[in-house]
C-alpha atoms as a PDB file:
ATOM      1  CA  MET A   1     -19.642  -3.727  13.259  1.00  0.00           C
ATOM      2  CA  LYS A   2     -21.218  -0.364  14.109  1.00  0.00           C
ATOM      3  CA  ASN A   3     -20.941   0.640  17.796  1.00  0.00           C
ATOM      4  CA  ILE A   4     -18.075  -1.802  18.429  1.00  0.00           C
ATOM      5  CA  LYS A   5     -15.528  -0.012  20.600  1.00  0.00           C
ATOM      6  CA  LEU A   6     -11.742  -0.266  20.601  1.00  0.00           C
ATOM      7  CA  ARG A   7      -9.849   0.824  23.687  1.00  0.00           C
ATOM      8  CA  SER A   8      -6.299   2.095  24.092  1.00  0.00           C
ATOM      9  CA  GLN A   9      -4.459   3.708  26.990  1.00  0.00           C
ATOM     10  CA  ASN A  10      -5.201   7.101  25.442  1.00  0.00           C
ATOM     11  CA  GLY A  11      -8.832   6.750  24.423  1.00  0.00           C
ATOM     12  CA  LEU A  12     -11.930   4.836  23.421  1.00  0.00           C
ATOM     13  CA  TYR A  13     -12.926   4.610  19.753  1.00  0.00           C
ATOM     14  CA  ARG A  14     -16.409   3.645  18.573  1.00  0.00           C
ATOM     15  CA  ILE A  15     -16.570   2.299  15.027  1.00  0.00           C
ATOM     16  CA  GLU A  16     -19.064   4.258  12.951  1.00  0.00           C
ATOM     17  CA  ARG A  17     -18.574   2.539   9.592  1.00  0.00           C
ATOM     18  CA  GLU A  18     -16.042   0.854   7.345  1.00  0.00           C
ATOM     19  CA  TYR A  19     -14.173   3.421   5.262  1.00  0.00           C
ATOM     20  CA  ALA A  20     -11.906   1.275   3.075  1.00  0.00           C
ATOM     21  CA  ARG A  21     -10.589  -2.280   2.871  1.00  0.00           C
ATOM     22  CA  GLY A  22      -7.312  -3.783   1.671  1.00  0.00           C
ATOM     23  CA  GLY A  23      -5.626  -7.150   1.562  1.00  0.00           C
ATOM     24  CA  MET A  24      -4.169  -6.975   5.074  1.00  0.00           C
ATOM     25  CA  GLY A  25      -6.395  -4.563   6.901  1.00  0.00           C
ATOM     26  CA  VAL A  26      -9.406  -2.306   7.144  1.00  0.00           C
ATOM     27  CA  THR A  27      -9.819   1.434   7.606  1.00  0.00           C
ATOM     28  CA  TYR A  28     -12.715   2.644   9.756  1.00  0.00           C
ATOM     29  CA  LEU A  29     -14.376   5.955  10.441  1.00  0.00           C
ATOM     30  CA  VAL A  30     -14.533   6.076  14.246  1.00  0.00           C
ATOM     31  CA  VAL A  31     -15.735   8.439  16.944  1.00  0.00           C
ATOM     32  CA  ARG A  32     -13.407   9.184  19.824  1.00  0.00           C
ATOM     33  CA  GLU A  33     -15.192   9.141  23.155  1.00  0.00           C
ATOM     34  CA  PRO A  34     -16.092  11.156  25.092  1.00  0.00           C
ATOM     35  CA  SER A  35     -14.996  14.105  22.894  1.00  0.00           C
ATOM     36  CA  GLY A  36     -17.099  13.022  19.878  1.00  0.00           C
ATOM     37  CA  GLU A  37     -14.185  13.723  17.516  1.00  0.00           C
ATOM     38  CA  ARG A  38     -14.381  11.776  14.253  1.00  0.00           C
ATOM     39  CA  CYS A  39     -11.143  10.008  13.326  1.00  0.00           C
ATOM     40  CA  ILE A  40      -9.751   7.565  10.817  1.00  0.00           C
ATOM     41  CA  LEU A  41      -8.542   4.270  12.279  1.00  0.00           C
ATOM     42  CA  LYS A  42      -6.297   2.103  10.089  1.00  0.00           C
ATOM     43  CA  GLN A  43      -6.240  -1.488  11.312  1.00  0.00           C
ATOM     44  CA  LEU A  44      -3.579  -4.012  10.321  1.00  0.00           C
ATOM     45  CA  ARG A  45      -4.829  -7.555  10.892  1.00  0.00           C
ATOM     46  CA  LEU A  46      -2.059  -9.936  11.886  1.00  0.00           C
ATOM     47  CA  GLU A  47      -3.921 -13.013  10.633  1.00  0.00           C
ATOM     48  CA  ASN A  48      -3.552 -11.628   7.110  1.00  0.00           C
ATOM     49  CA  VAL A  49       0.168 -10.813   7.405  1.00  0.00           C
ATOM     50  CA  SER A  50       2.618 -13.293   5.900  1.00  0.00           C
ATOM     51  CA  ASP A  51       5.684 -11.042   6.039  1.00  0.00           C
ATOM     52  CA  TRP A  52       6.640  -9.329   9.304  1.00  0.00           C
ATOM     53  CA  LYS A  53       8.101  -6.464   7.287  1.00  0.00           C
ATOM     54  CA  VAL A  54       4.515  -5.306   6.721  1.00  0.00           C
ATOM     55  CA  VAL A  55       4.158  -4.837  10.469  1.00  0.00           C
ATOM     56  CA  GLN A  56       7.457  -2.958  10.596  1.00  0.00           C
ATOM     57  CA  LEU A  57       6.285  -0.614   7.844  1.00  0.00           C
ATOM     58  CA  PHE A  58       3.017  -0.010   9.684  1.00  0.00           C
ATOM     59  CA  GLU A  59       4.873   0.769  12.903  1.00  0.00           C
ATOM     60  CA  ARG A  60       7.203   3.061  11.001  1.00  0.00           C
ATOM     61  CA  GLU A  61       4.267   4.984   9.548  1.00  0.00           C
ATOM     62  CA  ALA A  62       2.899   5.502  13.070  1.00  0.00           C
ATOM     63  CA  GLU A  63       6.277   6.654  14.366  1.00  0.00           C
ATOM     64  CA  ILE A  64       6.726   9.124  11.511  1.00  0.00           C
ATOM     65  CA  LEU A  65       3.234  10.572  11.907  1.00  0.00           C
ATOM     66  CA  ARG A  66       3.829  10.978  15.643  1.00  0.00           C
ATOM     67  CA  GLN A  67       6.710  13.330  14.828  1.00  0.00           C
ATOM     68  CA  LEU A  68       5.030  15.399  12.111  1.00  0.00           C
ATOM     69  CA  ASN A  69       3.293  18.702  12.756  1.00  0.00           C
ATOM     70  CA  HIS A  70       1.923  20.471   9.689  1.00  0.00           C
ATOM     71  CA  PRO A  71      -1.559  21.945   9.043  1.00  0.00           C
ATOM     72  CA  ASN A  72      -1.862  20.072   5.723  1.00  0.00           C
ATOM     73  CA  ILE A  73      -1.038  16.631   7.167  1.00  0.00           C
ATOM     74  CA  PRO A  74      -3.791  14.905   9.208  1.00  0.00           C
ATOM     75  CA  ALA A  75      -2.729  14.902  12.844  1.00  0.00           C
ATOM     76  CA  TYR A  76      -1.524  11.736  14.572  1.00  0.00           C
ATOM     77  CA  ILE A  77      -3.797  10.759  17.470  1.00  0.00           C
ATOM     78  CA  ASP A  78      -3.033   7.240  18.669  1.00  0.00           C
ATOM     79  CA  TYR A  79      -1.336   3.912  17.980  1.00  0.00           C
ATOM     80  CA  PHE A  80      -2.103   0.721  19.873  1.00  0.00           C
ATOM     81  CA  LEU A  81      -2.452  -3.052  19.779  1.00  0.00           C
ATOM     82  CA  SER A  82      -6.004  -4.346  20.211  1.00  0.00           C
ATOM     83  CA  GLU A  83      -6.864  -6.138  23.446  1.00  0.00           C
ATOM     84  CA  SER A  84      -7.016  -9.378  21.439  1.00  0.00           C
ATOM     85  CA  ASN A  85      -3.376  -8.765  20.352  1.00  0.00           C
ATOM     86  CA  LYS A  86      -4.415  -9.491  16.767  1.00  0.00           C
ATOM     87  CA  HIS A  87      -4.768  -5.996  15.324  1.00  0.00           C
ATOM     88  CA  PHE A  88      -2.463  -2.979  15.178  1.00  0.00           C
ATOM     89  CA  ASN A  89      -4.412   0.290  15.077  1.00  0.00           C
ATOM     90  CA  LEU A  90      -3.283   3.718  13.863  1.00  0.00           C
ATOM     91  CA  VAL A  91      -5.594   6.679  14.519  1.00  0.00           C
ATOM     92  CA  GLN A  92      -5.452  10.032  12.710  1.00  0.00           C
ATOM     93  CA  ALA A  93      -7.651  13.083  12.366  1.00  0.00           C
ATOM     94  CA  PHE A  94     -10.445  12.589   9.827  1.00  0.00           C
ATOM     95  CA  ILE A  95     -10.349  14.893   6.795  1.00  0.00           C
ATOM     96  CA  GLU A  96     -13.761  15.116   5.187  1.00  0.00           C
ATOM     97  CA  GLY A  97     -13.328  15.865   1.517  1.00  0.00           C
ATOM     98  CA  GLN A  98     -12.648  14.362  -1.906  1.00  0.00           C
ATOM     99  CA  THR A  99      -9.374  13.134  -3.296  1.00  0.00           C
ATOM    100  CA  VAL A 100      -7.832  14.781  -6.335  1.00  0.00           C
ATOM    101  CA  LEU A 101      -8.375  11.426  -8.067  1.00  0.00           C
ATOM    102  CA  GLU A 102     -12.126  11.784  -7.487  1.00  0.00           C
ATOM    103  CA  TRP A 103     -12.011  15.299  -8.948  1.00  0.00           C
ATOM    104  CA  ILE A 104     -10.228  13.926 -12.010  1.00  0.00           C
ATOM    105  CA  ASP A 105     -12.600  10.979 -12.450  1.00  0.00           C
ATOM    106  CA  LYS A 106     -15.694  13.156 -12.029  1.00  0.00           C
ATOM    107  CA  HIS A 107     -14.265  15.975 -14.181  1.00  0.00           C
ATOM    108  CA  LEU A 108     -15.020  18.472 -11.426  1.00  0.00           C
ATOM    109  CA  PRO A 109     -13.983  22.015 -12.359  1.00  0.00           C
ATOM    110  CA  VAL A 110     -11.172  23.755 -10.533  1.00  0.00           C
ATOM    111  CA  SER A 111     -10.501  27.468 -10.946  1.00  0.00           C
ATOM    112  CA  ARG A 112      -7.065  28.805 -11.784  1.00  0.00           C
ATOM    113  CA  ASP A 113      -6.810  30.441  -8.343  1.00  0.00           C
ATOM    114  CA  GLN A 114      -7.825  27.226  -6.562  1.00  0.00           C
ATOM    115  CA  PHE A 115      -5.340  25.187  -8.565  1.00  0.00           C
ATOM    116  CA  ILE A 116      -2.477  27.545  -7.761  1.00  0.00           C
ATOM    117  CA  ARG A 117      -3.474  27.666  -4.081  1.00  0.00           C
ATOM    118  CA  PHE A 118      -3.516  23.867  -3.848  1.00  0.00           C
ATOM    119  CA  LEU A 119      -0.143  23.639  -5.610  1.00  0.00           C
ATOM    120  CA  GLU A 120       1.425  26.237  -3.298  1.00  0.00           C
ATOM    121  CA  GLN A 121       0.159  24.403  -0.211  1.00  0.00           C
ATOM    122  CA  SER A 122       1.438  21.076  -1.546  1.00  0.00           C
ATOM    123  CA  LEU A 123       4.875  22.527  -2.194  1.00  0.00           C
ATOM    124  CA  ASP A 124       4.864  23.921   1.346  1.00  0.00           C
ATOM    125  CA  ILE A 125       4.228  20.381   2.642  1.00  0.00           C
ATOM    126  CA  LEU A 126       7.294  19.132   0.750  1.00  0.00           C
ATOM    127  CA  ILE A 127       9.393  22.048   2.014  1.00  0.00           C
ATOM    128  CA  TYR A 128       8.448  20.971   5.535  1.00  0.00           C
ATOM    129  CA  LEU A 129       9.020  17.222   5.030  1.00  0.00           C
ATOM    130  CA  HIS A 130      12.274  17.602   3.121  1.00  0.00           C
ATOM    131  CA  GLY A 131      13.534  20.221   5.565  1.00  0.00           C
ATOM    132  CA  LEU A 132      13.404  17.795   8.481  1.00  0.00           C
ATOM    133  CA  VAL A 133      16.658  16.196   9.620  1.00  0.00           C
ATOM    134  CA  PRO A 134      16.867  13.709   8.058  1.00  0.00           C
ATOM    135  CA  PRO A 135      14.380  14.495   5.260  1.00  0.00           C
ATOM    136  CA  VAL A 136      11.115  12.571   5.197  1.00  0.00           C
ATOM    137  CA  ILE A 137      10.396  11.266   1.679  1.00  0.00           C
ATOM    138  CA  HIS A 138       6.781  10.277   1.090  1.00  0.00           C
ATOM    139  CA  ARG A 139       7.433   8.122  -2.036  1.00  0.00           C
ATOM    140  CA  ASP A 140       3.778   7.770  -3.052  1.00  0.00           C
ATOM    141  CA  ILE A 141       2.362  11.207  -3.840  1.00  0.00           C
ATOM    142  CA  THR A 142      -0.539  10.599  -6.215  1.00  0.00           C
ATOM    143  CA  PRO A 143      -4.024  12.082  -6.759  1.00  0.00           C
ATOM    144  CA  LYS A 144      -5.494   9.396  -4.478  1.00  0.00           C
ATOM    145  CA  ASN A 145      -3.302  10.579  -1.587  1.00  0.00           C
ATOM    146  CA  LEU A 146      -4.203  14.259  -1.933  1.00  0.00           C
ATOM    147  CA  ILE A 147      -7.485  15.272  -0.278  1.00  0.00           C
ATOM    148  CA  LEU A 148      -9.265  18.543  -1.053  1.00  0.00           C
ATOM    149  CA  GLN A 149     -11.327  20.270   1.620  1.00  0.00           C
ATOM    150  CA  LYS A 150     -12.682  23.673   0.590  1.00  0.00           C
ATOM    151  CA  ASP A 151      -9.536  25.768   0.052  1.00  0.00           C
ATOM    152  CA  ARG A 152      -7.089  23.373   1.686  1.00  0.00           C
ATOM    153  CA  ILE A 153      -5.259  20.298   0.408  1.00  0.00           C
ATOM    154  CA  TYR A 154      -3.991  17.462   2.602  1.00  0.00           C
ATOM    155  CA  LEU A 155      -1.309  14.840   1.990  1.00  0.00           C
ATOM    156  CA  VAL A 156      -2.200  11.424   3.421  1.00  0.00           C
ATOM    157  CA  ASP A 157      -0.952   7.814   3.537  1.00  0.00           C
ATOM    158  CA  PHE A 158       2.609   7.771   4.838  1.00  0.00           C
ATOM    159  CA  GLY A 159       2.841   3.986   4.602  1.00  0.00           C
ATOM    160  CA  SER A 160       5.621   4.179   2.004  1.00  0.00           C
ATOM    161  CA  VAL A 161       7.664   6.851   3.782  1.00  0.00           C
ATOM    162  CA  LYS A 162      11.447   6.724   3.939  1.00  0.00           C
ATOM    163  CA  ASP A 163      13.427   8.432   6.678  1.00  0.00           C
ATOM    164  CA  ALA A 164      15.853   7.852   9.539  1.00  0.00           C
ATOM    165  CA  VAL A 165      13.613   5.433  11.439  1.00  0.00           C
ATOM    166  CA  ASN A 166      14.485   2.758   8.907  1.00  0.00           C
ATOM    167  CA  PRO A 167      16.738   4.341   6.279  1.00  0.00           C
ATOM    168  CA  SER A 168      17.188   2.648   2.937  1.00  0.00           C
ATOM    169  CA  SER A 169      20.583   1.252   2.145  1.00  0.00           C
ATOM    170  CA  GLY A 170      20.411   3.079  -1.176  1.00  0.00           C
ATOM    171  CA  ARG A 171      19.997   1.770  -4.695  1.00  0.00           C
ATOM    172  CA  GLY A 172      18.549  -1.662  -5.060  1.00  0.00           C
ATOM    173  CA  SER A 173      16.088  -1.306  -2.161  1.00  0.00           C
ATOM    174  CA  THR A 174      12.413  -2.253  -2.451  1.00  0.00           C
ATOM    175  CA  VAL A 175      10.494  -0.464  -5.196  1.00  0.00           C
ATOM    176  CA  VAL A 176       7.710   1.636  -3.671  1.00  0.00           C
ATOM    177  CA  GLY A 177       5.414   3.989  -5.528  1.00  0.00           C
ATOM    178  CA  THR A 178       2.591   4.183  -8.054  1.00  0.00           C
ATOM    179  CA  PHE A 179       3.228   3.631 -11.754  1.00  0.00           C
ATOM    180  CA  GLY A 180       2.658   6.760 -13.784  1.00  0.00           C
ATOM    181  CA  TYR A 181       3.496   9.038 -10.864  1.00  0.00           C
ATOM    182  CA  MET A 182       6.944   7.919  -9.774  1.00  0.00           C
ATOM    183  CA  PRO A 183      10.170   9.058 -11.457  1.00  0.00           C
ATOM    184  CA  PRO A 184      12.696   6.713 -13.099  1.00  0.00           C
ATOM    185  CA  GLU A 185      14.974   6.434 -10.051  1.00  0.00           C
ATOM    186  CA  GLN A 186      12.142   4.898  -8.012  1.00  0.00           C
ATOM    187  CA  TYR A 187      11.885   2.064 -10.517  1.00  0.00           C
ATOM    188  CA  LEU A 188      15.420   1.232  -9.321  1.00  0.00           C
ATOM    189  CA  GLY A 189      14.366   1.382  -5.679  1.00  0.00           C
ATOM    190  CA  HIS A 190      16.059   4.719  -5.046  1.00  0.00           C
ATOM    191  CA  ALA A 191      14.014   7.718  -3.862  1.00  0.00           C
ATOM    192  CA  GLU A 192      15.209  11.182  -2.899  1.00  0.00           C
ATOM    193  CA  PRO A 193      13.472  14.518  -2.166  1.00  0.00           C
ATOM    194  CA  GLY A 194      13.388  15.304  -5.902  1.00  0.00           C
ATOM    195  CA  SER A 195      11.370  12.115  -6.426  1.00  0.00           C
ATOM    196  CA  ASP A 196       8.516  13.549  -4.347  1.00  0.00           C
ATOM    197  CA  LEU A 197       8.716  16.740  -6.382  1.00  0.00           C
ATOM    198  CA  TYR A 198       8.297  14.749  -9.596  1.00  0.00           C
ATOM    199  CA  SER A 199       5.328  12.830  -8.201  1.00  0.00           C
ATOM    200  CA  LEU A 200       3.655  16.027  -7.022  1.00  0.00           C
ATOM    201  CA  GLY A 201       4.204  17.658 -10.402  1.00  0.00           C
ATOM    202  CA  MET A 202       2.736  14.682 -12.245  1.00  0.00           C
ATOM    203  CA  SER A 203      -0.235  14.624  -9.874  1.00  0.00           C
ATOM    204  CA  PHE A 204      -0.990  18.270 -10.621  1.00  0.00           C
ATOM    205  CA  ILE A 205      -0.536  17.782 -14.364  1.00  0.00           C
ATOM    206  CA  ALA A 206      -3.127  15.004 -14.159  1.00  0.00           C
ATOM    207  CA  PHE A 207      -5.303  17.329 -12.052  1.00  0.00           C
ATOM    208  CA  ALA A 208      -5.119  20.134 -14.616  1.00  0.00           C
ATOM    209  CA  ALA A 209      -5.650  17.828 -17.598  1.00  0.00           C
ATOM    210  CA  HIS A 210      -8.247  15.595 -15.879  1.00  0.00           C
ATOM    211  CA  LYS A 211      -6.327  12.675 -17.381  1.00  0.00           C
ATOM    212  CA  ASP A 212      -4.267   9.788 -16.086  1.00  0.00           C
ATOM    213  CA  PRO A 213      -0.561  10.008 -17.046  1.00  0.00           C
ATOM    214  CA  PHE A 214      -0.952   6.884 -19.195  1.00  0.00           C
ATOM    215  CA  GLN A 215      -3.445   8.818 -21.337  1.00  0.00           C
ATOM    216  CA  MET A 216      -0.724  11.369 -22.101  1.00  0.00           C
ATOM    217  CA  VAL A 217       2.147   9.035 -22.997  1.00  0.00           C
ATOM    218  CA  ASN A 218       3.761   9.225 -26.403  1.00  0.00           C
ATOM    219  CA  PRO A 219       4.329   5.501 -27.168  1.00  0.00           C
ATOM    220  CA  GLU A 220       7.221   6.241 -29.522  1.00  0.00           C
ATOM    221  CA  LEU A 221       9.154   8.265 -26.949  1.00  0.00           C
ATOM    222  CA  GLY A 222       7.858   6.518 -23.847  1.00  0.00           C
ATOM    223  CA  GLN A 223       7.359   9.920 -22.207  1.00  0.00           C
ATOM    224  CA  VAL A 224       4.386  11.903 -20.997  1.00  0.00           C
ATOM    225  CA  GLN A 225       3.662  14.533 -23.633  1.00  0.00           C
ATOM    226  CA  ILE A 226       1.819  17.646 -22.505  1.00  0.00           C
ATOM    227  CA  LYS A 227       0.006  19.177 -25.458  1.00  0.00           C
ATOM    228  CA  ASN A 228      -2.674  21.723 -24.655  1.00  0.00           C
ATOM    229  CA  GLU A 229      -3.670  20.340 -21.259  1.00  0.00           C
ATOM    230  CA  LEU A 230      -1.962  23.112 -19.279  1.00  0.00           C
ATOM    231  CA  ASP A 231      -2.744  26.058 -21.549  1.00  0.00           C
ATOM    232  CA  ALA A 232      -5.367  27.417 -19.128  1.00  0.00           C
ATOM    233  CA  LEU A 233      -2.659  27.910 -16.495  1.00  0.00           C
ATOM    234  CA  PRO A 234      -0.353  30.935 -16.236  1.00  0.00           C
ATOM    235  CA  ALA A 235       2.892  30.445 -18.145  1.00  0.00           C
ATOM    236  CA  HIS A 236       5.008  30.390 -14.970  1.00  0.00           C
ATOM    237  CA  VAL A 237       2.852  27.647 -13.398  1.00  0.00           C
ATOM    238  CA  LYS A 238       2.984  25.546 -16.560  1.00  0.00           C
ATOM    239  CA  SER A 239       6.742  26.010 -16.683  1.00  0.00           C
ATOM    240  CA  LEU A 240       7.062  25.033 -13.021  1.00  0.00           C
ATOM    241  CA  LEU A 241       5.096  21.777 -13.502  1.00  0.00           C
ATOM    242  CA  LEU A 242       7.188  20.855 -16.520  1.00  0.00           C
ATOM    243  CA  GLU A 243      10.392  21.517 -14.565  1.00  0.00           C
ATOM    244  CA  MET A 244       9.125  19.411 -11.630  1.00  0.00           C
ATOM    245  CA  THR A 245       8.638  16.450 -13.995  1.00  0.00           C
ATOM    246  CA  GLU A 246      11.741  17.025 -16.138  1.00  0.00           C
END
């Protein structure tokens, strides 16, 4: 697979290695020629698609990313159909770093200042997304979709996004999200800007506690119970996270 090249009207991409694999596609680390820029190429393989809605969602993700411009969201680069007409390809800037989920799993330490800086940047991303007209709602903010690179955090994977390109009809629409990180209204298929705020808050609670939300659930109440996990944080930050997940 290495050194195979994919061509679009805007560039030539040489596959360096496979980055991730899913049921309907593959993600590659590629090099854009002749600039040498490393990028992430998400490839949707039509032979694996049984529902055309999957293609529509993929196209919607590309269209949304094309419109976004924020330093903490990997830049859109390209979107094209392979010459074989069998693969849709979405190209974004490559962010070299580790996900918050990896930090949690590996119990990597994070200082109070780093934690607050990452939280502030993440909230700034939501201010930007929700301030667009109409608001862009990510719907799947989790530790696996937050990438840390030195002193900067990035929000990735806009495949579940909801906005004006294909607005939901409201309650009763398809349930999208990750269990443990989505608020109750998303279980009913209804997401709003406050839903992203909840998911971000839960992601940072998990980050601070180095625990999955399911490890913090009180089975009698069916709610996440924060005991001493956030005691190392300033009182106002702890209060903010609790309010975000209220």
